[in-house]
Amino acid sequence: VSIYTFTFLTFLVLFCFSLWQYAGKWYALQKKDPEGLFLQDNISAEYTIDDDGTMTASSKGRVTLFGFWVVCADMAAQYSVPNPTTPGKMFMNYQGLASYLSSGGDNYWVIDTDYDNYAITYACRTLKEDGSCEDGYSLIFSRNPRGLPPAIQRIVRGKQEEICMAGQFEPVLQSGAC
């Protein structure tokens, strides 16, 4: 736990973020869960850019429902960029592709990426009045489901410290189950 309080709105995101370079397949290697139901493992996302420049994603991952029923869940999302000067700060509208999965909208920010190896994302579901995030989640993505090389792992750990989230992540199993 950090002795510093960072507001969600002051998180820095990648300068000159490119949706087109970000597009493609990503695998979650680490996660910080929000409150409530969330994908537990085998999380992946395929980002595409439509003809009009809108980014969409299809995501998969396993989730446990009702405490015992483990299923592969399919999600879909559309992203908008409210401020073109900060394209890494997006708003995500998401839908579960089954009635038992949730739908909603989150602020979705790409904190850092090199586009080829890793991406660090943060999403806030609920903002408090002081600008801090009441309920949020973060994913560390890799282009490779087997993991990141040591040099890239060091970069990711440094970024986790910068956003006061070091030690808050758990590994995400990538077994190919979904």
C-alpha atoms as a PDB file:
ATOM      1  CA  VAL A   1       0.000   0.000   0.000  1.00  0.00           C
ATOM      2  CA  SER A   2       1.382   3.355  -0.991  1.00  0.00           C
ATOM      3  CA  ILE A   3       1.598   6.291   1.380  1.00  0.00           C
ATOM      4  CA  TYR A   4       0.814   8.504  -1.600  1.00  0.00           C
ATOM      5  CA  THR A   5      -2.657   9.037  -2.995  1.00  0.00           C
ATOM      6  CA  PHE A   6      -2.858   9.365  -6.746  1.00  0.00           C
ATOM      7  CA  THR A   7      -6.031  10.447  -8.394  1.00  0.00           C
ATOM      8  CA  PHE A   8      -7.099   8.464 -11.399  1.00  0.00           C
ATOM      9  CA  LEU A   9      -7.263  11.616 -13.481  1.00  0.00           C
ATOM     10  CA  THR A  10      -3.562  12.364 -12.909  1.00  0.00           C
ATOM     11  CA  PHE A  11      -2.324   8.981 -14.207  1.00  0.00           C
ATOM     12  CA  LEU A  12       0.007   9.588 -17.097  1.00  0.00           C
ATOM     13  CA  VAL A  13      -0.610   7.623 -20.251  1.00  0.00           C
ATOM     14  CA  LEU A  14       1.644   6.916 -23.184  1.00  0.00           C
ATOM     15  CA  PHE A  15       2.407  10.089 -25.121  1.00  0.00           C
ATOM     16  CA  CYS A  16       1.446   9.837 -28.829  1.00  0.00           C
ATOM     17  CA  PHE A  17      -0.419   6.545 -28.348  1.00  0.00           C
ATOM     18  CA  SER A  18      -1.267   4.860 -31.674  1.00  0.00           C
ATOM     19  CA  LEU A  19      -4.416   2.752 -31.968  1.00  0.00           C
ATOM     20  CA  TRP A  20      -3.081   1.219 -35.193  1.00  0.00           C
ATOM     21  CA  GLN A  21       0.148  -0.008 -33.576  1.00  0.00           C
ATOM     22  CA  TYR A  22      -1.781  -1.265 -30.538  1.00  0.00           C
ATOM     23  CA  ALA A  23      -4.185  -3.319 -32.676  1.00  0.00           C
ATOM     24  CA  GLY A  24      -3.742  -7.080 -32.752  1.00  0.00           C
ATOM     25  CA  LYS A  25      -3.725  -9.935 -30.266  1.00  0.00           C
ATOM     26  CA  TRP A  26      -2.721  -9.461 -26.611  1.00  0.00           C
ATOM     27  CA  TYR A  27      -2.552 -11.980 -23.753  1.00  0.00           C
ATOM     28  CA  ALA A  28      -2.970 -10.979 -20.101  1.00  0.00           C
ATOM     29  CA  LEU A  29      -0.014 -12.084 -17.963  1.00  0.00           C
ATOM     30  CA  GLN A  30      -0.891 -10.229 -14.752  1.00  0.00           C
ATOM     31  CA  LYS A  31      -4.011  -8.586 -13.375  1.00  0.00           C
ATOM     32  CA  LYS A  32      -5.344  -6.505 -10.534  1.00  0.00           C
ATOM     33  CA  ASP A  33      -9.009  -7.374 -10.136  1.00  0.00           C
ATOM     34  CA  PRO A  34     -11.900  -4.977  -9.572  1.00  0.00           C
ATOM     35  CA  GLU A  35     -14.710  -5.695  -7.145  1.00  0.00           C
ATOM     36  CA  GLY A  36     -17.168  -8.350  -8.260  1.00  0.00           C
ATOM     37  CA  LEU A  37     -17.083 -10.723 -11.200  1.00  0.00           C
ATOM     38  CA  PHE A  38     -13.971 -10.580 -13.406  1.00  0.00           C
ATOM     39  CA  LEU A  39     -12.185 -12.872 -15.831  1.00  0.00           C
ATOM     40  CA  GLN A  40      -9.876 -15.172 -13.881  1.00  0.00           C
ATOM     41  CA  ASP A  41      -7.471 -16.713 -16.413  1.00  0.00           C
ATOM     42  CA  ASN A  42      -6.772 -17.413 -20.100  1.00  0.00           C
ATOM     43  CA  ILE A  43      -7.576 -13.743 -20.781  1.00  0.00           C
ATOM     44  CA  SER A  44      -6.867 -12.488 -24.286  1.00  0.00           C
ATOM     45  CA  ALA A  45      -8.045  -9.585 -26.390  1.00  0.00           C
ATOM     46  CA  GLU A  46      -7.983  -8.985 -30.132  1.00  0.00           C
ATOM     47  CA  TYR A  47      -8.099  -5.272 -30.985  1.00  0.00           C
ATOM     48  CA  THR A  48      -9.109  -4.117 -34.453  1.00  0.00           C
ATOM     49  CA  ILE A  49      -9.507  -0.698 -36.064  1.00  0.00           C
ATOM     50  CA  ASP A  50     -12.634  -0.165 -38.156  1.00  0.00           C
ATOM     51  CA  ASP A  51     -12.694   1.801 -41.423  1.00  0.00           C
ATOM     52  CA  ASP A  52     -13.817   4.899 -39.515  1.00  0.00           C
ATOM     53  CA  GLY A  53     -10.872   4.637 -37.087  1.00  0.00           C
ATOM     54  CA  THR A  54     -12.881   3.220 -34.171  1.00  0.00           C
ATOM     55  CA  MET A  55     -11.136   0.574 -32.084  1.00  0.00           C
ATOM     56  CA  THR A  56     -13.102  -2.531 -31.112  1.00  0.00           C
ATOM     57  CA  ALA A  57     -12.063  -5.618 -29.190  1.00  0.00           C
ATOM     58  CA  SER A  58     -13.184  -9.169 -28.762  1.00  0.00           C
ATOM     59  CA  SER A  59     -11.977 -10.660 -25.495  1.00  0.00           C
ATOM     60  CA  LYS A  60     -12.031 -14.104 -23.962  1.00  0.00           C
ATOM     61  CA  GLY A  61     -11.274 -15.522 -20.574  1.00  0.00           C
ATOM     62  CA  ARG A  62     -12.442 -18.020 -18.007  1.00  0.00           C
ATOM     63  CA  VAL A  63     -14.781 -16.973 -15.240  1.00  0.00           C
ATOM     64  CA  THR A  64     -16.410 -18.826 -12.360  1.00  0.00           C
ATOM     65  CA  LEU A  65     -20.144 -18.231 -12.077  1.00  0.00           C
ATOM     66  CA  PHE A  66     -22.298 -19.038  -9.064  1.00  0.00           C
ATOM     67  CA  GLY A  67     -19.173 -20.226  -7.223  1.00  0.00           C
ATOM     68  CA  PHE A  68     -18.778 -23.463  -9.181  1.00  0.00           C
ATOM     69  CA  TRP A  69     -19.514 -23.111 -12.912  1.00  0.00           C
ATOM     70  CA  VAL A  70     -16.317 -22.378 -14.877  1.00  0.00           C
ATOM     71  CA  VAL A  71     -16.960 -21.131 -18.394  1.00  0.00           C
ATOM     72  CA  CYS A  72     -15.055 -19.391 -21.154  1.00  0.00           C
ATOM     73  CA  ALA A  73     -16.638 -15.974 -21.483  1.00  0.00           C
ATOM     74  CA  ASP A  74     -16.698 -13.888 -24.641  1.00  0.00           C
ATOM     75  CA  MET A  75     -16.811 -10.104 -24.355  1.00  0.00           C
ATOM     76  CA  ALA A  76     -16.991  -7.340 -26.951  1.00  0.00           C
ATOM     77  CA  ALA A  77     -15.980  -3.710 -26.528  1.00  0.00           C
ATOM     78  CA  GLN A  78     -15.971  -0.453 -28.446  1.00  0.00           C
ATOM     79  CA  TYR A  79     -13.569   2.351 -27.571  1.00  0.00           C
ATOM     80  CA  SER A  80     -13.924   6.087 -27.974  1.00  0.00           C
ATOM     81  CA  VAL A  81     -11.287   8.762 -27.476  1.00  0.00           C
ATOM     82  CA  PRO A  82     -12.956  11.705 -25.698  1.00  0.00           C
ATOM     83  CA  ASN A  83      -9.920  13.981 -26.090  1.00  0.00           C
ATOM     84  CA  PRO A  84      -7.835  13.558 -29.279  1.00  0.00           C
ATOM     85  CA  THR A  85      -4.800  15.117 -27.549  1.00  0.00           C
ATOM     86  CA  THR A  86      -4.648  12.085 -25.206  1.00  0.00           C
ATOM     87  CA  PRO A  87      -5.552   9.073 -27.370  1.00  0.00           C
ATOM     88  CA  GLY A  88      -4.319   6.653 -24.676  1.00  0.00           C
ATOM     89  CA  LYS A  89      -7.228   7.764 -22.453  1.00  0.00           C
ATOM     90  CA  MET A  90     -10.242   6.003 -23.883  1.00  0.00           C
ATOM     91  CA  PHE A  91     -13.751   5.169 -22.780  1.00  0.00           C
ATOM     92  CA  MET A  92     -14.738   1.533 -23.227  1.00  0.00           C
ATOM     93  CA  ASN A  93     -18.300   0.292 -23.660  1.00  0.00           C
ATOM     94  CA  TYR A  94     -18.354  -3.472 -23.132  1.00  0.00           C
ATOM     95  CA  GLN A  95     -20.899  -6.243 -23.419  1.00  0.00           C
ATOM     96  CA  GLY A  96     -20.834  -9.834 -22.278  1.00  0.00           C
ATOM     97  CA  LEU A  97     -21.889 -12.027 -25.181  1.00  0.00           C
ATOM     98  CA  ALA A  98     -24.115 -14.101 -22.890  1.00  0.00           C
ATOM     99  CA  SER A  99     -26.928 -12.979 -20.606  1.00  0.00           C
ATOM    100  CA  TYR A 100     -25.056 -13.931 -17.415  1.00  0.00           C
ATOM    101  CA  LEU A 101     -22.101 -11.635 -18.199  1.00  0.00           C
ATOM    102  CA  SER A 102     -22.002  -7.964 -17.335  1.00  0.00           C
ATOM    103  CA  SER A 103     -22.126  -4.938 -19.595  1.00  0.00           C
ATOM    104  CA  GLY A 104     -21.148  -1.360 -18.895  1.00  0.00           C
ATOM    105  CA  GLY A 105     -18.639   1.373 -19.503  1.00  0.00           C
ATOM    106  CA  ASP A 106     -15.218   2.083 -18.014  1.00  0.00           C
ATOM    107  CA  ASN A 107     -12.484   4.629 -18.447  1.00  0.00           C
ATOM    108  CA  TYR A 108      -9.756   2.557 -20.145  1.00  0.00           C
ATOM    109  CA  TRP A 109      -6.229   3.889 -20.277  1.00  0.00           C
ATOM    110  CA  VAL A 110      -3.057   2.546 -21.842  1.00  0.00           C
ATOM    111  CA  ILE A 111      -0.417   3.558 -19.308  1.00  0.00           C
ATOM    112  CA  ASP A 112       2.508   2.251 -21.364  1.00  0.00           C
ATOM    113  CA  THR A 113       3.314  -0.057 -24.275  1.00  0.00           C
ATOM    114  CA  ASP A 114       6.124  -0.718 -26.703  1.00  0.00           C
ATOM    115  CA  TYR A 115       3.494  -2.194 -29.098  1.00  0.00           C
ATOM    116  CA  ASP A 116       5.630  -5.298 -29.786  1.00  0.00           C
ATOM    117  CA  ASN A 117       6.009  -6.905 -26.345  1.00  0.00           C
ATOM    118  CA  TYR A 118       3.930  -5.411 -23.533  1.00  0.00           C
ATOM    119  CA  ALA A 119       1.083  -3.088 -22.642  1.00  0.00           C
ATOM    120  CA  ILE A 120       0.008  -1.832 -19.221  1.00  0.00           C
ATOM    121  CA  THR A 121      -3.651  -0.870 -19.008  1.00  0.00           C
ATOM    122  CA  TYR A 122      -5.761   0.590 -16.233  1.00  0.00           C
ATOM    123  CA  ALA A 123      -9.517   0.905 -16.107  1.00  0.00           C
ATOM    124  CA  CYS A 124     -11.657   2.715 -13.578  1.00  0.00           C
ATOM    125  CA  ARG A 125     -15.268   1.653 -13.116  1.00  0.00           C
ATOM    126  CA  THR A 126     -16.210   4.131 -10.408  1.00  0.00           C
ATOM    127  CA  LEU A 127     -14.608   7.506  -9.615  1.00  0.00           C
ATOM    128  CA  LYS A 128     -14.805   9.021  -6.145  1.00  0.00           C
ATOM    129  CA  GLU A 129     -15.516  12.744  -5.701  1.00  0.00           C
ATOM    130  CA  ASP A 130     -11.813  13.408  -5.007  1.00  0.00           C
ATOM    131  CA  GLY A 131     -10.823  11.937  -8.397  1.00  0.00           C
ATOM    132  CA  SER A 132      -9.418   8.698  -6.990  1.00  0.00           C
ATOM    133  CA  CYS A 133     -10.691   5.410  -8.315  1.00  0.00           C
ATOM    134  CA  GLU A 134     -13.108   3.551  -6.078  1.00  0.00           C
ATOM    135  CA  ASP A 135     -13.230   0.417  -8.219  1.00  0.00           C
ATOM    136  CA  GLY A 136     -10.650  -0.251 -10.898  1.00  0.00           C
ATOM    137  CA  TYR A 137      -8.600  -2.959 -12.517  1.00  0.00           C
ATOM    138  CA  SER A 138      -5.358  -3.276 -14.385  1.00  0.00           C
ATOM    139  CA  LEU A 139      -3.955  -5.767 -16.876  1.00  0.00           C
ATOM    140  CA  ILE A 140      -0.411  -6.402 -18.019  1.00  0.00           C
ATOM    141  CA  PHE A 141      -0.579  -7.663 -21.588  1.00  0.00           C
ATOM    142  CA  SER A 142       1.988  -9.433 -23.741  1.00  0.00           C
ATOM    143  CA  ARG A 143       1.967 -10.292 -27.427  1.00  0.00           C
ATOM    144  CA  ASN A 144       3.308 -13.707 -26.372  1.00  0.00           C
ATOM    145  CA  PRO A 145       1.185 -15.930 -24.062  1.00  0.00           C
ATOM    146  CA  ARG A 146       4.382 -17.480 -22.666  1.00  0.00           C
ATOM    147  CA  GLY A 147       5.558 -14.284 -20.991  1.00  0.00           C
ATOM    148  CA  LEU A 148       7.953 -11.365 -21.247  1.00  0.00           C
ATOM    149  CA  PRO A 149      11.755 -11.329 -21.474  1.00  0.00           C
ATOM    150  CA  PRO A 150      13.583 -10.213 -18.280  1.00  0.00           C
ATOM    151  CA  ALA A 151      14.435  -6.744 -19.639  1.00  0.00           C
ATOM    152  CA  ILE A 152      10.775  -6.066 -20.434  1.00  0.00           C
ATOM    153  CA  GLN A 153       9.713  -7.464 -17.033  1.00  0.00           C
ATOM    154  CA  ARG A 154      11.927  -4.822 -15.384  1.00  0.00           C
ATOM    155  CA  ILE A 155      10.253  -2.050 -17.409  1.00  0.00           C
ATOM    156  CA  VAL A 156       6.805  -3.336 -16.395  1.00  0.00           C
ATOM    157  CA  ARG A 157       7.759  -3.525 -12.701  1.00  0.00           C
ATOM    158  CA  GLY A 158       9.052   0.057 -12.877  1.00  0.00           C
ATOM    159  CA  LYS A 159       5.780   1.267 -14.388  1.00  0.00           C
ATOM    160  CA  GLN A 160       3.789  -0.604 -11.722  1.00  0.00           C
ATOM    161  CA  GLU A 161       5.788   1.292  -9.081  1.00  0.00           C
ATOM    162  CA  GLU A 162       5.219   4.629 -10.868  1.00  0.00           C
ATOM    163  CA  ILE A 163       1.449   4.165 -10.677  1.00  0.00           C
ATOM    164  CA  CYS A 164       1.637   2.991  -7.029  1.00  0.00           C
ATOM    165  CA  MET A 165       0.461  -0.521  -7.856  1.00  0.00           C
ATOM    166  CA  ALA A 166       3.602  -2.574  -7.199  1.00  0.00           C
ATOM    167  CA  GLY A 167       2.731  -5.847  -5.489  1.00  0.00           C
ATOM    168  CA  GLN A 168      -0.985  -5.592  -6.315  1.00  0.00           C
ATOM    169  CA  PHE A 169      -0.954  -7.889  -9.343  1.00  0.00           C
ATOM    170  CA  GLU A 170      -1.462 -11.616  -9.552  1.00  0.00           C
ATOM    171  CA  PRO A 171      -0.348 -13.891 -12.401  1.00  0.00           C
ATOM    172  CA  VAL A 172      -2.811 -14.899 -15.111  1.00  0.00           C
ATOM    173  CA  LEU A 173      -2.671 -18.492 -16.283  1.00  0.00           C
ATOM    174  CA  GLN A 174      -2.440 -18.901 -20.070  1.00  0.00           C
ATOM    175  CA  SER A 175      -3.123 -22.590 -20.721  1.00  0.00           C
ATOM    176  CA  GLY A 176      -5.065 -22.186 -23.970  1.00  0.00           C
ATOM    177  CA  ALA A 177      -8.314 -23.233 -22.259  1.00  0.00           C
ATOM    178  CA  CYS A 178     -10.370 -20.591 -24.086  1.00  0.00           C
END
